[in-house]
Structures are given as C-alpha cells and as structure tokens.
C-alpha cells in the first residue's frame, strides 16, 4: 500500500484567511489504484465574502514533481499518474 499525503494551503489577498472544514486529511491508497480515482475533497470558506467567495486550489509542483496528483476547482484530489510503492513509498503533496 502506498501512503499519499496531500497538504493543501490557501493563500488570501484580503484581511481574513480562508478556513478549511478539515485542514488535515491523510489518505492511504494501493499503488495499483486506477488513474482518475478520487482520493479526497478539501473544502474551505472565506469569511471576507460571507463564506460565498470563490476559492481555488492548486498543487505546488515542487512537492509533486512527477505530477502524480491533480486537484480540481472543487478541491478534489485525484490520481493522475501511476503510483509505485517501490519507487516512492510515501507522497506528501502541497497545494495552495
């Protein structure tokens, strides 16, 4: 089993920082999981706009150089490329 961590960080340009519903999510996946499999969805709100502002997510590619993971506009992290436990037993991916 491969262990994958995706660390999501939010950047804010206003005076109040966005807040995660669950700031730390750890997911264990098998190395032979299908490409496109959803791992988890991060949710956040921004108090500057009454919780209705648009929040976007992106993966810090320095933490995922092989581009094995993808995060969409809704904050869902998916497997983008095949995982190999022998090559990389643990992943920690940073997002912003």
Protein backbone atom coordinates (compact mmCIF):
# COMPACT_ATOMS: atom_id res chain seq x y z
CA UNK A 1 0.00 0.00 0.00
CA UNK A 2 1.30 3.46 -0.87
CA UNK A 3 0.67 6.30 1.54
CA UNK A 4 -0.13 9.64 -0.01
CA UNK A 5 -0.33 12.95 1.78
CA UNK A 6 -1.71 16.00 0.10
CA UNK A 7 -1.07 19.18 2.03
CA UNK A 8 -3.36 21.97 0.89
CA UNK A 9 -2.54 25.56 1.78
CA UNK A 10 -4.78 28.52 0.98
CA UNK A 11 -3.49 31.96 0.07
CA UNK A 12 -5.60 35.01 0.75
CA UNK A 13 -5.39 38.57 -0.55
CA UNK A 14 -7.90 40.04 1.94
CA UNK A 15 -7.69 40.58 5.69
CA UNK A 16 -9.33 37.30 6.83
CA UNK A 17 -7.76 33.96 5.98
CA UNK A 18 -9.85 31.21 4.37
CA UNK A 19 -10.60 28.32 6.70
CA UNK A 20 -10.64 24.61 5.92
CA UNK A 21 -13.54 22.46 7.07
CA UNK A 22 -10.91 19.72 7.68
CA UNK A 23 -7.37 21.10 7.41
CA UNK A 24 -5.55 17.74 7.57
CA UNK A 25 -6.62 14.77 5.51
CA UNK A 26 -4.49 11.64 5.23
CA UNK A 27 -5.34 9.03 2.60
CA UNK A 28 -3.92 5.54 2.11
CA UNK A 29 -4.18 4.07 -1.38
CA UNK A 30 -2.93 0.96 -3.12
CA UNK A 31 -0.21 1.51 -5.69
CA UNK A 32 -2.32 -0.17 -8.35
CA UNK A 33 -5.27 2.22 -7.89
CA UNK A 34 -6.80 3.33 -11.12
CA UNK A 35 -5.73 6.64 -12.68
CA UNK A 36 -8.53 9.14 -12.17
CA UNK A 37 -9.53 7.73 -8.76
CA UNK A 38 -10.70 10.46 -6.39
CA UNK A 39 -8.85 10.41 -3.09
CA UNK A 40 -10.47 13.17 -1.04
CA UNK A 41 -12.08 16.59 -1.32
CA UNK A 42 -10.90 19.63 0.59
CA UNK A 43 -13.47 22.30 1.43
CA UNK A 44 -12.82 25.85 2.59
CA UNK A 45 -14.71 29.08 3.18
CA UNK A 46 -13.55 32.69 3.12
CA UNK A 47 -15.09 34.91 5.81
CA UNK A 48 -14.23 38.07 3.79
CA UNK A 49 -17.12 37.35 1.46
CA UNK A 50 -19.62 35.88 3.91
CA UNK A 51 -18.47 32.38 3.01
CA UNK A 52 -19.60 32.74 -0.61
CA UNK A 53 -16.33 33.74 -2.25
CA UNK A 54 -14.67 31.57 -4.86
CA UNK A 55 -11.72 29.59 -3.59
CA UNK A 56 -9.31 27.89 -5.95
CA UNK A 57 -6.82 25.12 -5.24
CA UNK A 58 -3.53 24.25 -6.96
CA UNK A 59 -0.78 21.73 -6.29
CA UNK A 60 2.68 23.07 -5.54
CA UNK A 61 4.57 21.18 -8.24
CA UNK A 62 7.81 21.23 -6.23
CA UNK A 63 6.04 18.78 -3.89
CA UNK A 64 4.73 16.61 -6.76
CA UNK A 65 7.47 16.75 -9.39
CA UNK A 66 6.17 13.67 -11.23
CA UNK A 67 2.68 15.18 -11.44
CA UNK A 68 1.05 12.10 -9.99
CA UNK A 69 -1.81 14.04 -8.42
CA UNK A 70 -4.35 16.58 -9.62
CA UNK A 71 -6.69 18.85 -7.67
CA UNK A 72 -9.75 20.33 -9.36
CA UNK A 73 -11.65 23.58 -8.73
CA UNK A 74 -13.83 21.90 -6.14
CA UNK A 75 -10.79 20.71 -4.14
CA UNK A 76 -10.98 17.03 -5.12
CA UNK A 77 -7.59 15.32 -5.32
CA UNK A 78 -7.26 12.53 -7.88
CA UNK A 79 -4.50 10.21 -9.06
CA UNK A 80 -3.14 11.49 -12.36
CA UNK A 81 -0.26 9.04 -12.95
CA UNK A 82 0.50 5.50 -11.80
CA UNK A 83 1.91 5.15 -8.26
CA UNK A 84 4.80 2.80 -7.46
CA UNK A 85 5.46 1.99 -3.80
CA UNK A 86 8.93 0.63 -4.53
CA UNK A 87 9.89 3.90 -6.22
CA UNK A 88 8.15 6.28 -3.78
CA UNK A 89 6.60 4.69 -0.67
CA UNK A 90 5.08 7.95 0.62
CA UNK A 91 3.87 11.11 -1.08
CA UNK A 92 3.35 14.47 0.52
CA UNK A 93 1.89 16.97 -1.90
CA UNK A 94 1.50 20.65 -1.09
CA UNK A 95 -1.32 22.69 -2.55
CA UNK A 96 -2.20 26.34 -2.36
